[in-house]
Amino acid sequence: MNEMIWFLFALLNFTLIIGIYKFFGKTGLIAWVAMGTVLANIQVTKTIEIFGLTATLGNIMYGTLFLATDSLNEKYGLKVAKQAVYVGFFALISMVIIMQVALMFEPHVDDFAHGALSTIFEVMPRIALGSITAYIISQILDVHLFQKIKSYYSSDQTLYLRNIGSTMVSQLVDTLIFVPIAFLGLYPIEVVVSIFITTYLIKLIVAALDTPFVYFIKKIKPLE
């Protein structure tokens, strides 16, 4: 059941990216990076079983960030893609700070949400530390590597090489940084190893699935 929902969820995310680009152009993709960075770090607190392995939920949303920055890189260049990366970085830091202060408020006796928010956001600083470190390193690597590959293979027919090639390398670096920081000591070592393997494999699947959508965005003329 999880596998079917996962594929539908991936298609939903990709379709929404197409929509936000159609209506808002490059501003929409930059906004998606900011929103997606925050949502991915909330979703990652949920652990699921998929394809018989333990995984975290935020992998699809996080993978869409690379789709967005690769699309910006392809159509608008390195400067705009890096701007999106920095906006996402600022959004994540802001979310962590704001939610830590929000949790300091004493809840009303009839409050029903504080416990749920605490469960998610009290572990967020550790997850965010791993994510912030992995995010800025892997995303900057991705946008530069995308441009490097483009300097050798610049045609529309080789767009998939730029998209998948840059993402494969940058997502490996991202996973190597994020998983140990976020989960070592929180889960047994065998679960952490399973999360690492599954996380990277899922990111590769997302990179392959999102390739047609990079071509769609390349051809779309936004309404902006």
Protein backbone atom coordinates (compact mmCIF):
# COMPACT_ATOMS: atom_id res chain seq x y z
CA MET A 1 0.00 0.00 0.00
CA ASN A 2 2.81 2.41 0.91
CA GLU A 3 4.48 1.81 -2.43
CA MET A 4 1.37 2.81 -4.40
CA ILE A 5 0.84 5.91 -2.28
CA TRP A 6 4.52 6.77 -2.71
CA PHE A 7 4.36 6.76 -6.51
CA LEU A 8 1.13 8.77 -6.50
CA PHE A 9 2.65 11.20 -4.02
CA ALA A 10 5.69 11.66 -6.27
CA LEU A 11 3.48 12.36 -9.29
CA LEU A 12 1.42 14.81 -7.22
CA ASN A 13 4.55 16.73 -6.23
CA PHE A 14 5.88 16.86 -9.77
CA THR A 15 2.51 17.99 -11.13
CA LEU A 16 2.29 20.77 -8.55
CA ILE A 17 5.77 21.97 -9.54
CA ILE A 18 4.62 22.17 -13.16
CA GLY A 19 1.59 24.16 -12.00
CA ILE A 20 3.52 26.61 -9.84
CA TYR A 21 5.96 27.25 -12.66
CA LYS A 22 3.19 27.74 -15.22
CA PHE A 23 1.45 30.35 -13.09
CA PHE A 24 4.40 32.07 -11.37
CA GLY A 25 7.50 31.30 -13.44
CA LYS A 26 10.90 31.34 -11.78
CA THR A 27 9.43 33.05 -8.70
CA GLY A 28 7.16 30.03 -8.26
CA LEU A 29 10.08 27.59 -8.41
CA ILE A 30 12.04 29.64 -5.88
CA ALA A 31 8.96 29.67 -3.62
CA TRP A 32 8.69 25.88 -4.04
CA VAL A 33 12.29 25.46 -2.86
CA ALA A 34 11.55 27.51 0.28
CA MET A 35 8.30 25.65 1.01
CA GLY A 36 9.73 22.25 0.11
CA THR A 37 12.77 22.68 2.34
CA VAL A 38 10.51 23.28 5.34
CA LEU A 39 8.04 20.48 4.48
CA ALA A 40 10.79 17.94 3.80
CA ASN A 41 12.25 18.53 7.26
CA ILE A 42 8.84 18.04 8.88
CA GLN A 43 8.06 14.92 6.86
CA VAL A 44 11.45 13.37 7.63
CA THR A 45 10.39 12.88 11.26
CA LYS A 46 7.97 10.19 10.07
CA THR A 47 9.47 6.74 9.47
CA ILE A 48 7.78 4.33 7.07
CA GLU A 49 8.40 0.93 5.53
CA ILE A 50 8.60 0.89 1.75
CA PHE A 51 9.89 -1.78 -0.64
CA GLY A 52 10.61 -3.87 2.47
CA LEU A 53 13.04 -1.31 3.89
CA THR A 54 12.90 1.40 6.55
CA ALA A 55 12.74 4.90 5.11
CA THR A 56 11.88 8.45 6.09
CA LEU A 57 8.97 10.21 4.44
CA GLY A 58 10.66 13.43 3.33
CA ASN A 59 12.65 11.96 0.45
CA ILE A 60 10.19 12.82 -2.32
CA MET A 61 9.73 16.41 -1.21
CA TYR A 62 13.48 16.83 -0.76
CA GLY A 63 14.08 15.33 -4.18
CA THR A 64 11.77 17.90 -5.75
CA LEU A 65 14.13 20.65 -4.57
CA PHE A 66 16.74 19.32 -6.99
CA LEU A 67 14.13 19.23 -9.74
CA ALA A 68 13.33 22.87 -9.04
CA THR A 69 16.95 24.07 -8.87
CA ASP A 70 17.96 22.04 -11.94
CA SER A 71 15.04 23.56 -13.86
CA LEU A 72 16.06 27.05 -12.76
CA ASN A 73 19.65 26.29 -13.69
CA GLU A 74 18.63 25.09 -17.14
CA LYS A 75 16.34 28.01 -17.99
CA TYR A 76 17.75 30.95 -16.01
CA GLY A 77 21.35 30.07 -15.19
CA LEU A 78 23.57 29.42 -12.19
CA LYS A 79 22.92 32.74 -10.42
CA VAL A 80 19.16 32.20 -10.16
CA ALA A 81 19.59 28.54 -9.13
CA LYS A 82 21.95 29.56 -6.31
CA GLN A 83 19.48 32.25 -5.23
CA ALA A 84 16.83 29.54 -4.82
CA VAL A 85 19.26 27.46 -2.75
CA TYR A 86 19.95 30.40 -0.43
CA VAL A 87 16.24 31.19 -0.07
CA GLY A 88 15.59 27.57 0.95
CA PHE A 89 18.50 27.74 3.40
CA PHE A 90 17.08 30.89 5.02
CA ALA A 91 13.57 29.40 5.15
CA LEU A 92 14.82 26.32 7.01
CA ILE A 93 16.81 28.29 9.56
CA SER A 94 13.89 30.65 10.11
CA MET A 95 11.47 27.75 10.64
CA VAL A 96 13.71 26.13 13.26
CA ILE A 97 14.19 29.36 15.22
CA ILE A 98 10.53 30.38 15.06
CA MET A 99 9.21 26.98 16.15
CA GLN A 100 11.64 26.71 19.07
CA VAL A 101 10.37 30.05 20.37
CA ALA A 102 6.75 29.00 19.72
CA LEU A 103 7.24 25.92 21.91
CA MET A 104 8.34 28.14 24.83
CA PHE A 105 4.78 29.45 25.24
CA GLU A 106 2.91 27.74 28.07
CA PRO A 107 -0.08 25.98 26.48
CA HIS A 108 -3.61 26.69 27.70
CA VAL A 109 -5.27 24.00 29.81
CA ASP A 110 -7.59 23.19 26.89
CA ASP A 111 -4.82 23.14 24.28
CA PHE A 112 -4.63 19.95 22.22
CA ALA A 113 -1.78 20.75 19.78
CA HIS A 114 1.26 21.48 21.95
CA GLY A 115 2.16 17.82 22.51
CA ALA A 116 2.06 17.04 18.80
CA LEU A 117 4.11 20.12 17.94
CA SER A 118 6.64 19.22 20.62
CA THR A 119 7.00 15.69 19.24
CA ILE A 120 7.89 17.06 15.82
CA PHE A 121 9.78 20.25 16.54
CA GLU A 122 11.71 19.36 19.70
CA VAL A 123 13.75 16.89 17.62
CA MET A 124 13.90 19.38 14.76
CA PRO A 125 17.12 21.16 15.83
CA ARG A 126 19.14 17.96 15.41
CA ILE A 127 17.44 17.04 12.15
CA ALA A 128 17.74 20.64 11.00
CA LEU A 129 21.46 20.70 11.81
CA GLY A 130 21.99 17.67 9.61
CA SER A 131 19.68 19.03 6.97
CA ILE A 132 21.15 22.54 6.92
CA THR A 133 24.68 21.19 6.61
CA ALA A 134 23.74 18.60 3.98
CA TYR A 135 21.43 20.97 2.12
CA ILE A 136 23.83 23.84 1.55
CA ILE A 137 26.75 21.59 0.59
CA SER A 138 24.80 19.25 -1.69
CA GLN A 139 22.69 21.95 -3.36
CA ILE A 140 25.65 24.19 -4.15
CA LEU A 141 27.47 21.11 -5.45
CA ASP A 142 24.43 20.21 -7.56
CA VAL A 143 24.01 23.59 -9.26
CA HIS A 144 27.72 23.85 -10.08
CA LEU A 145 27.94 20.24 -11.25
CA PHE A 146 24.84 20.76 -13.42
CA GLN A 147 26.55 23.68 -15.14
CA LYS A 148 29.79 21.71 -15.50
CA ILE A 149 27.99 18.84 -17.23
CA LYS A 150 26.11 21.36 -19.36
CA SER A 151 29.41 22.80 -20.59
CA TYR A 152 30.12 19.39 -22.20
CA TYR A 153 26.57 18.26 -23.01
CA SER A 154 24.42 21.31 -23.67
CA SER A 155 21.76 20.04 -26.07
CA ASP A 156 18.13 19.39 -25.14
CA GLN A 157 18.69 15.70 -25.87
CA THR A 158 21.28 15.48 -23.07
CA LEU A 159 19.24 17.36 -20.46
CA TYR A 160 18.63 14.05 -18.69
CA LEU A 161 22.41 13.66 -18.23
CA ARG A 162 22.63 17.03 -16.52
CA ASN A 163 19.62 16.36 -14.33
CA ILE A 164 20.36 12.79 -13.27
CA GLY A 165 24.15 13.10 -13.24
CA SER A 166 24.31 16.13 -10.98
CA THR A 167 21.59 14.76 -8.71
CA MET A 168 23.20 11.31 -8.30
CA VAL A 169 26.43 12.81 -6.99
CA SER A 170 24.94 15.61 -4.89
CA GLN A 171 22.28 13.37 -3.33
CA LEU A 172 24.95 10.86 -2.30
CA VAL A 173 26.88 13.65 -0.57
CA ASP A 174 23.65 14.89 1.00
CA THR A 175 22.77 11.45 2.37
CA LEU A 176 26.30 10.82 3.68
CA ILE A 177 26.08 14.04 5.69
CA PHE A 178 22.44 14.09 6.78
CA VAL A 179 21.66 10.55 7.94
CA PRO A 180 24.48 10.16 10.54
CA ILE A 181 23.90 13.62 12.03
CA ALA A 182 20.12 13.24 12.20
CA PHE A 183 19.70 9.62 13.28
CA LEU A 184 22.82 8.13 14.91
CA GLY A 185 21.94 7.49 18.56
CA LEU A 186 18.26 8.07 17.86
CA TYR A 187 17.77 4.69 16.16
CA PRO A 188 19.69 1.40 16.36
CA ILE A 189 22.66 1.29 13.96
CA GLU A 190 21.00 -1.27 11.69
CA VAL A 191 18.01 1.05 11.28
CA VAL A 192 20.32 3.99 10.49
CA VAL A 193 22.10 1.90 7.84
CA SER A 194 18.74 0.86 6.39
CA ILE A 195 17.59 4.51 6.33
CA PHE A 196 20.82 5.52 4.57
CA ILE A 197 20.53 2.85 1.87
CA THR A 198 16.82 3.38 1.34
CA THR A 199 17.11 7.17 1.38
CA TYR A 200 19.72 7.19 -1.36
CA LEU A 201 17.92 4.59 -3.48
CA ILE A 202 14.66 6.52 -3.22
CA LYS A 203 16.44 9.74 -4.16
CA LEU A 204 17.80 8.01 -7.27
CA ILE A 205 14.29 6.81 -8.17
CA VAL A 206 12.93 10.34 -7.66
CA ALA A 207 15.71 11.73 -9.88
CA ALA A 208 14.76 9.28 -12.63
CA LEU A 209 11.02 9.95 -12.25
CA ASP A 210 11.41 13.72 -12.31
CA THR A 211 13.43 13.81 -15.56
CA PRO A 212 10.38 14.09 -17.87
CA PHE A 213 9.16 17.00 -15.76
CA VAL A 214 12.45 18.86 -16.29
CA TYR A 215 11.73 18.61 -20.03
CA PHE A 216 8.15 19.83 -19.44
CA ILE A 217 9.38 22.87 -17.52
CA LYS A 218 11.99 23.55 -20.22
CA LYS A 219 9.20 23.80 -22.80
CA ILE A 220 6.61 25.64 -20.71
CA LYS A 221 6.14 29.37 -21.19
CA PRO A 222 4.99 30.71 -17.81
CA LEU A 223 2.17 33.21 -17.41
CA GLU A 224 4.29 35.60 -15.35
